[in-house]
Amino acid sequence: MSRRCFACSRTGEALVHAPGPEHPRWRGGRRVATKGYIIRWMPAEHPFASMRCEASSSVLEHRLVMAEYLGRSLESWEHVHHINGDKHDNRIKNLRILTSKQHSKIHWEELASLRKEVKRLRRELRAATRK
């Protein structure tokens, strides 16, 4: 499917290009999204195309890596968790598939642990400034 190219129209060309690798400004189809996750462009004929966002023809890379490992598309309720917290580390040994409830529990536990650490550090700081 071709559509009017926004990037080229800003340069005055206003051409119609095919999306993806055929586009003259193609940069590999991999980029970092606003929340820090890596996003990859995916053609409509890809075996896991059911997982892609139709508006941008892209998929979150960590979900794609897990789907390829499992050999099937992921369901919308299946969450992929980065074990070490690094959103760019999409190696299969760093990914774990969870339900929404399990995923939320992990992050709430991490948050509770951080809050305890902040309280402990504040107590230490108060004690150190009193001396």
Protein backbone atom coordinates (compact mmCIF):
# COMPACT_ATOMS: atom_id res chain seq x y z
CA MET A 1 0.00 0.00 0.00
CA SER A 2 1.44 3.37 -1.00
CA ARG A 3 0.54 6.62 0.64
CA ARG A 4 1.60 10.23 0.50
CA CYS A 5 4.97 10.59 2.22
CA PHE A 6 4.81 13.15 5.06
CA ALA A 7 8.60 13.35 5.43
CA CYS A 8 9.13 14.01 1.73
CA SER A 9 6.26 16.50 1.50
CA ARG A 10 8.06 18.64 4.10
CA THR A 11 11.03 18.88 1.72
CA GLY A 12 8.73 19.99 -1.10
CA GLU A 13 8.78 16.65 -2.95
CA ALA A 14 5.31 15.46 -1.85
CA LEU A 15 5.87 12.05 -3.41
CA VAL A 16 4.05 8.79 -2.78
CA HIS A 17 6.33 5.99 -1.55
CA ALA A 18 5.80 2.41 -0.52
CA PRO A 19 6.16 1.95 3.24
CA GLY A 20 9.03 -0.05 4.72
CA PRO A 21 12.33 -0.98 3.08
CA GLU A 22 11.36 0.54 -0.28
CA HIS A 23 11.04 4.01 1.25
CA PRO A 24 14.03 6.28 0.44
CA ARG A 25 14.35 7.30 4.10
CA TRP A 26 14.33 3.73 5.43
CA ARG A 27 16.59 3.32 8.49
CA GLY A 28 16.19 -0.38 9.19
CA GLY A 29 12.72 -0.41 10.73
CA ARG A 30 13.91 -0.39 14.34
CA ARG A 31 13.47 2.58 16.68
CA VAL A 32 13.00 3.49 20.32
CA ALA A 33 9.47 4.44 21.38
CA THR A 34 8.59 7.19 23.86
CA LYS A 35 8.44 4.81 26.85
CA GLY A 36 11.86 3.36 26.02
CA TYR A 37 10.78 0.11 24.37
CA ILE A 38 12.20 -0.89 21.00
CA ILE A 39 9.67 -0.99 18.17
CA ARG A 40 10.14 -2.83 14.87
CA TRP A 41 8.32 -2.29 11.59
CA MET A 42 6.43 -5.39 10.44
CA PRO A 43 4.93 -6.04 7.00
CA ALA A 44 1.29 -7.13 6.76
CA GLU A 45 2.30 -10.55 5.40
CA HIS A 46 4.53 -11.41 8.41
CA PRO A 47 3.47 -14.61 10.26
CA PHE A 48 2.94 -12.61 13.48
CA ALA A 49 1.20 -9.66 11.81
CA SER A 50 -1.79 -10.13 14.11
CA MET A 51 0.37 -8.65 16.91
CA ARG A 52 1.24 -5.41 15.11
CA CYS A 53 -0.30 -2.01 15.62
CA GLU A 54 -2.26 -1.30 12.43
CA ALA A 55 -1.75 2.47 12.60
CA SER A 56 2.04 2.27 12.54
CA SER A 57 2.59 -1.26 11.16
CA SER A 58 4.94 -1.91 14.07
CA VAL A 59 5.32 -4.31 16.97
CA LEU A 60 7.12 -4.12 20.32
CA GLU A 61 10.37 -6.01 19.81
CA HIS A 62 10.27 -7.89 23.12
CA ARG A 63 6.83 -9.27 22.25
CA LEU A 64 8.08 -10.30 18.80
CA VAL A 65 11.14 -12.05 20.28
CA MET A 66 8.90 -14.01 22.68
CA ALA A 67 6.42 -14.90 19.89
CA GLU A 68 9.25 -16.19 17.69
CA TYR A 69 10.59 -18.25 20.61
CA LEU A 70 7.15 -19.76 21.32
CA GLY A 71 6.36 -20.18 17.63
CA ARG A 72 2.99 -18.42 17.89
CA SER A 73 1.46 -14.97 18.18
CA LEU A 74 0.98 -13.66 21.71
CA GLU A 75 -2.48 -13.05 23.07
CA SER A 76 -3.33 -9.50 24.15
CA TRP A 77 -3.51 -10.60 27.81
CA GLU A 78 0.01 -12.06 27.73
CA HIS A 79 2.60 -9.62 29.05
CA VAL A 80 6.32 -9.92 28.40
CA HIS A 81 8.43 -8.85 31.38
CA HIS A 82 12.08 -7.75 31.20
CA ILE A 83 13.65 -9.62 34.13
CA ASN A 84 16.57 -7.20 34.58
CA GLY A 85 14.40 -4.12 33.94
CA ASP A 86 16.39 -3.06 30.84
CA LYS A 87 13.84 -2.36 28.10
CA HIS A 88 16.53 -2.67 25.42
CA ASP A 89 17.69 -6.13 26.55
CA ASN A 90 15.42 -8.31 24.43
CA ARG A 91 17.38 -11.55 24.75
CA ILE A 92 15.05 -14.49 25.39
CA LYS A 93 16.84 -15.31 28.68
CA ASN A 94 15.86 -11.83 29.94
CA LEU A 95 12.18 -12.16 28.99
CA ARG A 96 9.36 -13.82 30.86
CA ILE A 97 5.73 -14.21 29.84
CA LEU A 98 3.17 -13.30 32.52
CA THR A 99 -0.48 -12.47 32.98
CA SER A 100 -1.43 -8.86 33.68
CA LYS A 101 -1.98 -9.66 37.37
CA GLN A 102 1.42 -11.37 37.73
CA HIS A 103 3.16 -8.51 35.93
CA SER A 104 1.52 -5.86 38.12
CA LYS A 105 2.45 -7.79 41.28
CA ILE A 106 6.13 -7.87 40.30
CA HIS A 107 6.23 -4.12 39.72
CA TRP A 108 4.30 -3.32 42.93
CA GLU A 109 6.76 -5.46 44.90
CA GLU A 110 9.68 -3.59 43.29
CA LEU A 111 8.03 -0.28 44.14
CA ALA A 112 7.42 -1.32 47.77
CA SER A 113 11.07 -2.37 48.07
CA LEU A 114 12.23 0.99 46.71
CA ARG A 115 9.97 2.86 49.16
CA LYS A 116 11.47 0.92 52.07
CA GLU A 117 14.96 1.78 50.84
CA VAL A 118 14.06 5.49 50.59
CA LYS A 119 12.72 5.46 54.17
CA ARG A 120 15.90 3.76 55.40
CA LEU A 121 18.12 6.30 53.61
CA ARG A 122 16.09 9.21 55.00
CA ARG A 123 16.54 7.85 58.55
CA GLU A 124 20.28 7.52 57.96
CA LEU A 125 20.48 11.05 56.57
CA ARG A 126 18.57 12.50 59.57
CA ALA A 127 20.83 10.63 61.98
CA ALA A 128 23.97 11.83 60.17
CA THR A 129 22.85 15.49 60.13
CA ARG A 130 22.05 15.45 63.88
CA LYS A 131 25.67 14.69 64.83
